[in-house]
Amino acid sequence: MISQKVTIKNPTGLHLGPAGTLCKDAMLFRSQITFRFQNTTANAKSVLSVLKSVLSVLGACVKSGDEIELICNGEDEQEAMDFLVKEINSGLGE
């Protein structure tokens, strides 16, 4: 298991569009992938989990410059982490 903190860089912060992108990207890997912000943890591969978490996170106003923690656990965890950090750093499609 590996984890890494990463800063949300897209200008509008973490909302439904970037959350969908994160979920789609996480589905590319076999590892279990979760993310944590404050007291909220979500399975990044589950649209429902991501949406539920994002709704909670939206209430906490995750904005550009805020930090989340990615956690990857499995056979391709390093590849998953590298890819997801790159995607988050590039703005998750925005």
Protein backbone atom coordinates (compact mmCIF):
# COMPACT_ATOMS: atom_id res chain seq x y z
CA MET A 1 0.00 0.00 0.00
CA ILE A 2 1.22 3.45 -0.90
CA SER A 3 -0.23 6.89 -0.29
CA GLN A 4 0.56 10.35 -1.47
CA LYS A 5 -0.86 13.78 -0.82
CA VAL A 6 -1.68 15.78 -3.91
CA THR A 7 -2.98 19.30 -4.38
CA ILE A 8 -6.14 19.93 -6.40
CA LYS A 9 -5.02 22.21 -9.22
CA ASN A 10 -8.04 22.62 -11.48
CA PRO A 11 -9.39 26.18 -11.19
CA THR A 12 -12.89 25.22 -10.03
CA GLY A 13 -11.79 22.71 -7.40
CA LEU A 14 -13.19 19.22 -6.90
CA HIS A 15 -16.74 18.96 -8.22
CA LEU A 16 -18.76 16.39 -10.15
CA GLY A 17 -16.88 16.69 -13.47
CA PRO A 18 -13.40 16.11 -12.06
CA ALA A 19 -14.77 13.40 -9.73
CA GLY A 20 -16.10 11.50 -12.75
CA THR A 21 -12.72 11.82 -14.42
CA LEU A 22 -10.97 10.54 -11.29
CA CYS A 23 -13.31 7.53 -11.17
CA LYS A 24 -12.82 6.75 -14.88
CA ASP A 25 -9.05 6.98 -14.47
CA ALA A 26 -9.03 4.79 -11.34
CA MET A 27 -10.97 2.09 -13.21
CA LEU A 28 -7.96 1.60 -15.50
CA PHE A 29 -6.06 -0.17 -12.68
CA ARG A 30 -6.45 -3.42 -10.75
CA SER A 31 -5.38 -1.92 -7.42
CA GLN A 32 -7.81 -0.70 -4.80
CA ILE A 33 -7.79 3.10 -4.99
CA THR A 34 -9.26 5.44 -2.39
CA PHE A 35 -8.92 9.10 -1.64
CA ARG A 36 -9.25 11.00 1.61
CA PHE A 37 -10.07 14.62 2.37
CA GLN A 38 -10.43 15.68 6.00
CA ASN A 39 -12.74 13.02 7.52
CA THR A 40 -14.11 11.68 4.21
CA THR A 41 -12.75 8.58 2.46
CA ALA A 42 -14.09 7.23 -0.85
CA ASN A 43 -13.51 4.29 -3.15
CA ALA A 44 -12.24 6.09 -6.25
CA LYS A 45 -13.52 3.27 -8.50
CA SER A 46 -17.14 3.56 -7.41
CA VAL A 47 -19.13 6.33 -9.06
CA LEU A 48 -21.66 6.22 -6.21
CA SER A 49 -18.93 6.32 -3.58
CA VAL A 50 -17.14 9.12 -5.38
CA LEU A 51 -20.34 11.12 -5.84
CA LYS A 52 -21.36 10.61 -2.21
CA SER A 53 -17.90 11.61 -1.06
CA VAL A 54 -17.73 14.54 -3.45
CA LEU A 55 -21.09 15.79 -2.20
CA SER A 56 -19.67 15.68 1.31
CA VAL A 57 -16.45 17.22 0.10
CA LEU A 58 -18.35 19.90 -1.83
CA GLY A 59 -19.93 20.89 1.46
CA ALA A 60 -16.40 21.30 2.78
CA CYS A 61 -15.57 23.46 -0.26
CA VAL A 62 -12.59 21.58 -1.70
CA LYS A 63 -11.13 24.17 -3.96
CA SER A 64 -8.08 24.74 -6.05
CA GLY A 65 -5.07 24.53 -3.78
CA ASP A 66 -6.62 22.07 -1.29
CA GLU A 67 -4.86 18.77 -0.63
CA ILE A 68 -6.29 15.24 -0.80
CA GLU A 69 -4.56 11.95 -0.02
CA LEU A 70 -4.57 9.17 -2.62
CA ILE A 71 -4.17 5.60 -1.37
CA CYS A 72 -3.38 2.75 -3.79
CA ASN A 73 -3.12 -0.89 -2.76
CA GLY A 74 -2.44 -3.76 -5.14
CA GLU A 75 -0.28 -5.21 -7.85
CA ASP A 76 -0.18 -2.06 -9.99
CA GLU A 77 -0.29 0.46 -7.14
CA GLN A 78 2.76 2.46 -8.22
CA GLU A 79 1.57 2.77 -11.80
CA ALA A 80 -1.87 3.81 -10.56
CA MET A 81 -0.43 6.39 -8.19
CA ASP A 82 1.87 7.86 -10.83
CA PHE A 83 -0.96 8.12 -13.37
CA LEU A 84 -3.54 9.58 -10.97
CA VAL A 85 -1.14 12.14 -9.52
CA LYS A 86 -0.27 13.22 -13.07
CA GLU A 87 -3.98 13.53 -13.94
CA ILE A 88 -4.78 15.53 -10.80
CA ASN A 89 -1.79 17.78 -11.42
CA SER A 90 -3.03 18.37 -14.98
CA GLY A 91 -6.46 19.51 -13.73
CA LEU A 92 -8.59 16.35 -14.21
CA GLY A 93 -9.72 17.36 -17.67
CA GLU A 94 -10.46 21.01 -17.01
